Amino acid sequence: MGAGQVTRALLGAVALALLAGCAGPAPEVESVRTEPSPRPQHVLVTVALRNASGGDGQVEVRVTLRERVSGRVVGQETFEVELLPHGRVAVTREIPVAATGEVTAEARAGYPPE
């Protein structure tokens, strides 16, 4: 391998390392849990997130609450969370609901925030 080839190989490795660090987080929702809130017409929702990459930054989390029986959307909330490289975090939010029955929750996380 000549000096030019070694230089190109080193530059390529440095570029890849820089791109990996600048890629930002890769958020994954690990779990979503609901529990009753002490406040009427509210539900406590805990979302556990994992960053599957070495990048860090703000991610957007969108929680949708549905009435268990009908599937009708009865609440939504969007918020941002800071994720560290390969980190995990659990966030609990109290979300108002337009229902009196049992609800289910689903969450999505994305980067970059909209």
N, C-alpha and C. Protein backbone atom coordinates (compact mmCIF):
# COMPACT_ATOMS: atom_id res chain seq x y z
N MET A 1 0.86 -1.18 0.00
CA MET A 1 0.00 0.00 0.00
C MET A 1 0.90 1.24 0.00
N GLY A 2 0.66 2.15 -0.94
CA GLY A 2 1.46 3.36 -1.04
C GLY A 2 1.00 4.43 -0.05
N ALA A 3 1.80 5.48 0.07
CA ALA A 3 1.48 6.58 1.00
C ALA A 3 0.15 7.24 0.65
N GLY A 4 -0.16 7.39 -0.63
CA GLY A 4 -1.43 7.99 -1.06
C GLY A 4 -2.63 7.14 -0.65
N GLN A 5 -2.47 5.83 -0.77
CA GLN A 5 -3.56 4.93 -0.39
C GLN A 5 -3.79 4.95 1.12
N VAL A 6 -2.72 5.00 1.89
CA VAL A 6 -2.84 5.05 3.35
C VAL A 6 -3.53 6.35 3.77
N THR A 7 -3.15 7.46 3.14
CA THR A 7 -3.75 8.76 3.45
C THR A 7 -5.25 8.74 3.15
N ARG A 8 -5.62 8.21 1.98
CA ARG A 8 -7.04 8.12 1.62
C ARG A 8 -7.81 7.23 2.60
N ALA A 9 -7.21 6.11 2.97
CA ALA A 9 -7.87 5.20 3.91
C ALA A 9 -8.08 5.88 5.27
N LEU A 10 -7.06 6.60 5.74
CA LEU A 10 -7.19 7.32 7.02
C LEU A 10 -8.23 8.42 6.94
N LEU A 11 -8.25 9.16 5.85
CA LEU A 11 -9.26 10.21 5.68
C LEU A 11 -10.67 9.62 5.63
N GLY A 12 -10.82 8.49 4.97
CA GLY A 12 -12.12 7.83 4.92
C GLY A 12 -12.57 7.39 6.30
N ALA A 13 -11.67 6.83 7.10
CA ALA A 13 -12.01 6.38 8.45
C ALA A 13 -12.40 7.57 9.33
N VAL A 14 -11.66 8.67 9.21
CA VAL A 14 -11.99 9.88 9.99
C VAL A 14 -13.35 10.42 9.58
N ALA A 15 -13.64 10.45 8.29
CA ALA A 15 -14.94 10.94 7.81
C ALA A 15 -16.07 10.08 8.34
N LEU A 16 -15.90 8.76 8.31
CA LEU A 16 -16.94 7.87 8.84
C LEU A 16 -17.16 8.10 10.33
N ALA A 17 -16.08 8.28 11.09
CA ALA A 17 -16.20 8.52 12.53
C ALA A 17 -16.95 9.83 12.79
N LEU A 18 -16.64 10.86 12.02
CA LEU A 18 -17.32 12.15 12.19
C LEU A 18 -18.79 12.04 11.84
N LEU A 19 -19.11 11.33 10.76
CA LEU A 19 -20.51 11.17 10.37
C LEU A 19 -21.30 10.39 11.41
N ALA A 20 -20.70 9.39 11.99
CA ALA A 20 -21.39 8.59 13.02
C ALA A 20 -21.73 9.45 14.22
N GLY A 21 -20.83 10.34 14.61
CA GLY A 21 -21.08 11.22 15.75
C GLY A 21 -22.09 12.29 15.45
N CYS A 22 -22.25 12.68 14.21
CA CYS A 22 -23.17 13.75 13.82
C CYS A 22 -24.54 13.24 13.39
N ALA A 23 -24.72 11.94 13.42
CA ALA A 23 -25.96 11.37 12.92
C ALA A 23 -27.16 11.67 13.80
N GLY A 24 -26.94 12.01 15.04
CA GLY A 24 -28.05 12.25 15.96
C GLY A 24 -28.54 10.95 16.55
N PRO A 25 -29.51 11.04 17.43
CA PRO A 25 -30.02 9.84 18.09
C PRO A 25 -30.91 9.00 17.17
N ALA A 26 -31.07 7.75 17.54
CA ALA A 26 -31.99 6.83 16.86
C ALA A 26 -32.96 6.32 17.93
N PRO A 27 -34.03 7.09 18.20
CA PRO A 27 -34.91 6.74 19.32
C PRO A 27 -35.78 5.51 19.03
N GLU A 28 -35.92 4.68 20.05
CA GLU A 28 -36.82 3.53 20.00
C GLU A 28 -37.68 3.53 21.26
N VAL A 29 -38.98 3.33 21.09
CA VAL A 29 -39.87 3.22 22.24
C VAL A 29 -39.77 1.78 22.74
N GLU A 30 -39.34 1.62 23.98
CA GLU A 30 -39.23 0.28 24.56
C GLU A 30 -40.54 -0.17 25.20
N SER A 31 -41.23 0.76 25.86
CA SER A 31 -42.50 0.41 26.50
C SER A 31 -43.32 1.67 26.76
N VAL A 32 -44.63 1.43 26.92
CA VAL A 32 -45.57 2.50 27.27
C VAL A 32 -46.49 1.93 28.34
N ARG A 33 -46.65 2.65 29.44
CA ARG A 33 -47.48 2.17 30.54
C ARG A 33 -48.43 3.28 30.98
N THR A 34 -49.66 2.91 31.28
CA THR A 34 -50.62 3.89 31.80
C THR A 34 -51.02 3.49 33.21
N GLU A 35 -51.38 4.49 33.99
CA GLU A 35 -51.93 4.27 35.32
C GLU A 35 -52.84 5.43 35.66
N PRO A 36 -53.77 5.21 36.57
CA PRO A 36 -54.70 6.28 36.92
C PRO A 36 -53.96 7.47 37.54
N SER A 37 -54.48 8.64 37.26
CA SER A 37 -53.96 9.87 37.86
C SER A 37 -54.86 10.24 39.03
N PRO A 38 -54.31 10.92 40.02
CA PRO A 38 -55.17 11.41 41.10
C PRO A 38 -56.12 12.52 40.62
N ARG A 39 -55.80 13.13 39.50
CA ARG A 39 -56.65 14.19 38.94
C ARG A 39 -57.71 13.58 38.04
N PRO A 40 -58.96 14.00 38.17
CA PRO A 40 -60.00 13.50 37.27
C PRO A 40 -59.69 13.88 35.82
N GLN A 41 -60.15 13.01 34.89
CA GLN A 41 -59.99 13.23 33.45
C GLN A 41 -58.53 13.33 33.03
N HIS A 42 -57.62 12.66 33.74
CA HIS A 42 -56.20 12.61 33.40
C HIS A 42 -55.70 11.17 33.56
N VAL A 43 -54.64 10.85 32.83
CA VAL A 43 -53.98 9.55 32.92
C VAL A 43 -52.48 9.79 33.01
N LEU A 44 -51.79 9.01 33.86
CA LEU A 44 -50.34 9.06 33.91
C LEU A 44 -49.80 8.07 32.88
N VAL A 45 -48.94 8.57 32.01
CA VAL A 45 -48.35 7.73 30.95
C VAL A 45 -46.83 7.77 31.11
N THR A 46 -46.23 6.58 31.20
CA THR A 46 -44.77 6.47 31.27
C THR A 46 -44.27 5.84 29.98
N VAL A 47 -43.36 6.56 29.32
CA VAL A 47 -42.76 6.09 28.07
C VAL A 47 -41.28 5.82 28.34
N ALA A 48 -40.83 4.59 28.06
CA ALA A 48 -39.42 4.24 28.18
C ALA A 48 -38.80 4.28 26.78
N LEU A 49 -37.72 5.05 26.65
CA LEU A 49 -37.04 5.23 25.37
C LEU A 49 -35.61 4.73 25.44
N ARG A 50 -35.11 4.31 24.28
CA ARG A 50 -33.73 3.86 24.15
C ARG A 50 -33.13 4.53 22.92
N ASN A 51 -31.90 4.97 23.04
CA ASN A 51 -31.18 5.53 21.90
C ASN A 51 -30.31 4.42 21.31
N ALA A 52 -30.64 3.99 20.11
CA ALA A 52 -29.93 2.88 19.47
C ALA A 52 -28.68 3.34 18.72
N SER A 53 -28.27 4.61 18.90
CA SER A 53 -27.08 5.09 18.19
C SER A 53 -26.13 5.80 19.15
N GLY A 54 -24.98 6.16 18.61
CA GLY A 54 -23.99 6.90 19.38
C GLY A 54 -24.18 8.41 19.32
N GLY A 55 -25.21 8.86 18.58
CA GLY A 55 -25.48 10.29 18.51
C GLY A 55 -26.38 10.71 19.66
N ASP A 56 -26.38 12.00 19.95
CA ASP A 56 -27.26 12.49 21.01
C ASP A 56 -28.10 13.64 20.48
N GLY A 57 -29.13 14.04 21.24
CA GLY A 57 -29.94 15.18 20.84
C GLY A 57 -31.39 15.05 21.28
N GLN A 58 -32.17 16.06 20.91
CA GLN A 58 -33.59 16.12 21.24
C GLN A 58 -34.38 15.23 20.28
N VAL A 59 -35.30 14.46 20.84
CA VAL A 59 -36.21 13.67 20.03
C VAL A 59 -37.63 14.08 20.39
N GLU A 60 -38.53 13.87 19.45
CA GLU A 60 -39.94 14.20 19.66
C GLU A 60 -40.69 12.91 19.99
N VAL A 61 -41.50 12.97 21.06
CA VAL A 61 -42.31 11.83 21.47
C VAL A 61 -43.78 12.24 21.34
N ARG A 62 -44.55 11.40 20.66
CA ARG A 62 -45.99 11.65 20.51
C ARG A 62 -46.74 10.50 21.14
N VAL A 63 -47.57 10.83 22.14
CA VAL A 63 -48.38 9.84 22.84
C VAL A 63 -49.83 10.00 22.39
N THR A 64 -50.47 8.90 22.03
CA THR A 64 -51.88 8.89 21.66
C THR A 64 -52.62 7.97 22.62
N LEU A 65 -53.69 8.48 23.21
CA LEU A 65 -54.53 7.70 24.12
C LEU A 65 -55.82 7.34 23.40
N ARG A 66 -56.21 6.08 23.53
CA ARG A 66 -57.44 5.59 22.91
C ARG A 66 -58.33 4.95 23.95
N GLU A 67 -59.64 5.13 23.76
CA GLU A 67 -60.61 4.44 24.58
C GLU A 67 -60.49 2.95 24.27
N ARG A 68 -60.35 2.14 25.30
CA ARG A 68 -60.09 0.71 25.07
C ARG A 68 -61.20 0.03 24.28
N VAL A 69 -62.47 0.32 24.58
CA VAL A 69 -63.59 -0.37 23.94
C VAL A 69 -63.78 0.08 22.49
N SER A 70 -63.82 1.38 22.25
CA SER A 70 -64.14 1.89 20.91
C SER A 70 -62.91 2.14 20.04
N GLY A 71 -61.73 2.34 20.64
CA GLY A 71 -60.54 2.69 19.88
C GLY A 71 -60.48 4.16 19.51
N ARG A 72 -61.46 4.93 19.96
CA ARG A 72 -61.52 6.36 19.66
C ARG A 72 -60.37 7.10 20.37
N VAL A 73 -59.74 8.05 19.65
CA VAL A 73 -58.68 8.86 20.24
C VAL A 73 -59.30 9.81 21.26
N VAL A 74 -58.80 9.73 22.50
CA VAL A 74 -59.35 10.56 23.58
C VAL A 74 -58.31 11.48 24.21
N GLY A 75 -57.09 11.43 23.70
CA GLY A 75 -56.05 12.33 24.20
C GLY A 75 -54.78 12.17 23.40
N GLN A 76 -54.03 13.27 23.30
CA GLN A 76 -52.73 13.25 22.62
C GLN A 76 -51.83 14.27 23.26
N GLU A 77 -50.56 13.97 23.25
CA GLU A 77 -49.58 14.96 23.70
C GLU A 77 -48.26 14.70 22.99
N THR A 78 -47.58 15.79 22.64
CA THR A 78 -46.27 15.71 22.01
C THR A 78 -45.29 16.50 22.88
N PHE A 79 -44.12 15.91 23.10
CA PHE A 79 -43.11 16.57 23.92
C PHE A 79 -41.73 16.15 23.45
N GLU A 80 -40.72 16.87 23.89
CA GLU A 80 -39.35 16.57 23.48
C GLU A 80 -38.55 16.02 24.66
N VAL A 81 -37.63 15.13 24.35
CA VAL A 81 -36.78 14.48 25.36
C VAL A 81 -35.35 14.48 24.84
N GLU A 82 -34.40 14.73 25.71
CA GLU A 82 -32.98 14.68 25.37
C GLU A 82 -32.47 13.25 25.54
N LEU A 83 -31.86 12.70 24.49
CA LEU A 83 -31.27 11.36 24.57
C LEU A 83 -29.76 11.46 24.46
N LEU A 84 -29.07 10.76 25.35
CA LEU A 84 -27.62 10.67 25.30
C LEU A 84 -27.22 9.47 24.44
N PRO A 85 -25.96 9.42 23.98
CA PRO A 85 -25.52 8.29 23.16
C PRO A 85 -25.76 6.95 23.87
N HIS A 86 -26.46 6.05 23.20
CA HIS A 86 -26.79 4.72 23.70
C HIS A 86 -27.50 4.76 25.06
N GLY A 87 -28.15 5.86 25.36
CA GLY A 87 -28.80 6.03 26.65
C GLY A 87 -30.24 5.54 26.67
N ARG A 88 -30.75 5.45 27.89
CA ARG A 88 -32.15 5.08 28.12
C ARG A 88 -32.73 6.12 29.06
N VAL A 89 -34.03 6.38 28.88
CA VAL A 89 -34.72 7.32 29.75
C VAL A 89 -36.19 6.92 29.83
N ALA A 90 -36.79 7.16 30.98
CA ALA A 90 -38.24 6.96 31.15
C ALA A 90 -38.84 8.30 31.54
N VAL A 91 -39.91 8.67 30.86
CA VAL A 91 -40.57 9.96 31.08
C VAL A 91 -42.03 9.70 31.43
N THR A 92 -42.49 10.31 32.52
CA THR A 92 -43.90 10.19 32.91
C THR A 92 -44.58 11.53 32.73
N ARG A 93 -45.71 11.51 32.04
CA ARG A 93 -46.50 12.73 31.79
C ARG A 93 -47.93 12.49 32.23
N GLU A 94 -48.56 13.53 32.73
CA GLU A 94 -49.98 13.49 33.07
C GLU A 94 -50.73 14.10 31.90
N ILE A 95 -51.55 13.29 31.24
CA ILE A 95 -52.20 13.73 30.00
C ILE A 95 -53.70 13.77 30.20
N PRO A 96 -54.34 14.89 29.83
CA PRO A 96 -55.80 14.98 29.94
C PRO A 96 -56.47 14.04 28.93
N VAL A 97 -57.59 13.45 29.34
CA VAL A 97 -58.35 12.56 28.46
C VAL A 97 -59.81 12.98 28.40
N ALA A 98 -60.42 12.75 27.24
CA ALA A 98 -61.83 13.06 27.04
C ALA A 98 -62.64 11.76 27.12
N ALA A 99 -62.39 10.99 28.20
CA ALA A 99 -63.10 9.72 28.38
C ALA A 99 -63.13 9.39 29.86
N THR A 100 -64.09 8.59 30.24
CA THR A 100 -64.17 8.16 31.63
C THR A 100 -63.82 6.69 31.79
N GLY A 101 -63.76 5.95 30.68
CA GLY A 101 -63.45 4.53 30.73
C GLY A 101 -61.97 4.26 30.67
N GLU A 102 -61.63 2.99 30.51
CA GLU A 102 -60.25 2.57 30.44
C GLU A 102 -59.63 3.00 29.11
N VAL A 103 -58.35 3.41 29.15
CA VAL A 103 -57.67 3.85 27.94
C VAL A 103 -56.39 3.04 27.72
N THR A 104 -55.97 3.00 26.47
CA THR A 104 -54.67 2.42 26.11
C THR A 104 -53.81 3.53 25.53
N ALA A 105 -52.52 3.33 25.58
CA ALA A 105 -51.59 4.35 25.07
C ALA A 105 -50.65 3.74 24.06
N GLU A 106 -50.30 4.54 23.07
CA GLU A 106 -49.25 4.18 22.12
C GLU A 106 -48.34 5.39 22.01
N ALA A 107 -47.06 5.15 21.75
CA ALA A 107 -46.10 6.24 21.64
C ALA A 107 -45.19 6.02 20.45
N ARG A 108 -44.82 7.12 19.84
CA ARG A 108 -43.85 7.11 18.74
C ARG A 108 -42.78 8.15 19.06
N ALA A 109 -41.57 7.84 18.68
CA ALA A 109 -40.47 8.78 18.90
C ALA A 109 -39.75 8.98 17.58
N GLY A 110 -39.32 10.22 17.33
CA GLY A 110 -38.65 10.52 16.08
C GLY A 110 -37.57 11.58 16.22
N TYR A 111 -36.64 11.55 15.30
CA TYR A 111 -35.58 12.53 15.23
C TYR A 111 -35.42 12.93 13.77
N PRO A 112 -35.29 14.19 13.48
CA PRO A 112 -35.30 15.32 14.42
C PRO A 112 -36.72 15.71 14.77
N PRO A 113 -36.88 16.49 15.88
CA PRO A 113 -38.23 16.96 16.23
C PRO A 113 -38.78 17.82 15.11
N GLU A 114 -40.09 17.76 14.92
CA GLU A 114 -40.72 18.57 13.87
C GLU A 114 -41.04 19.96 14.36
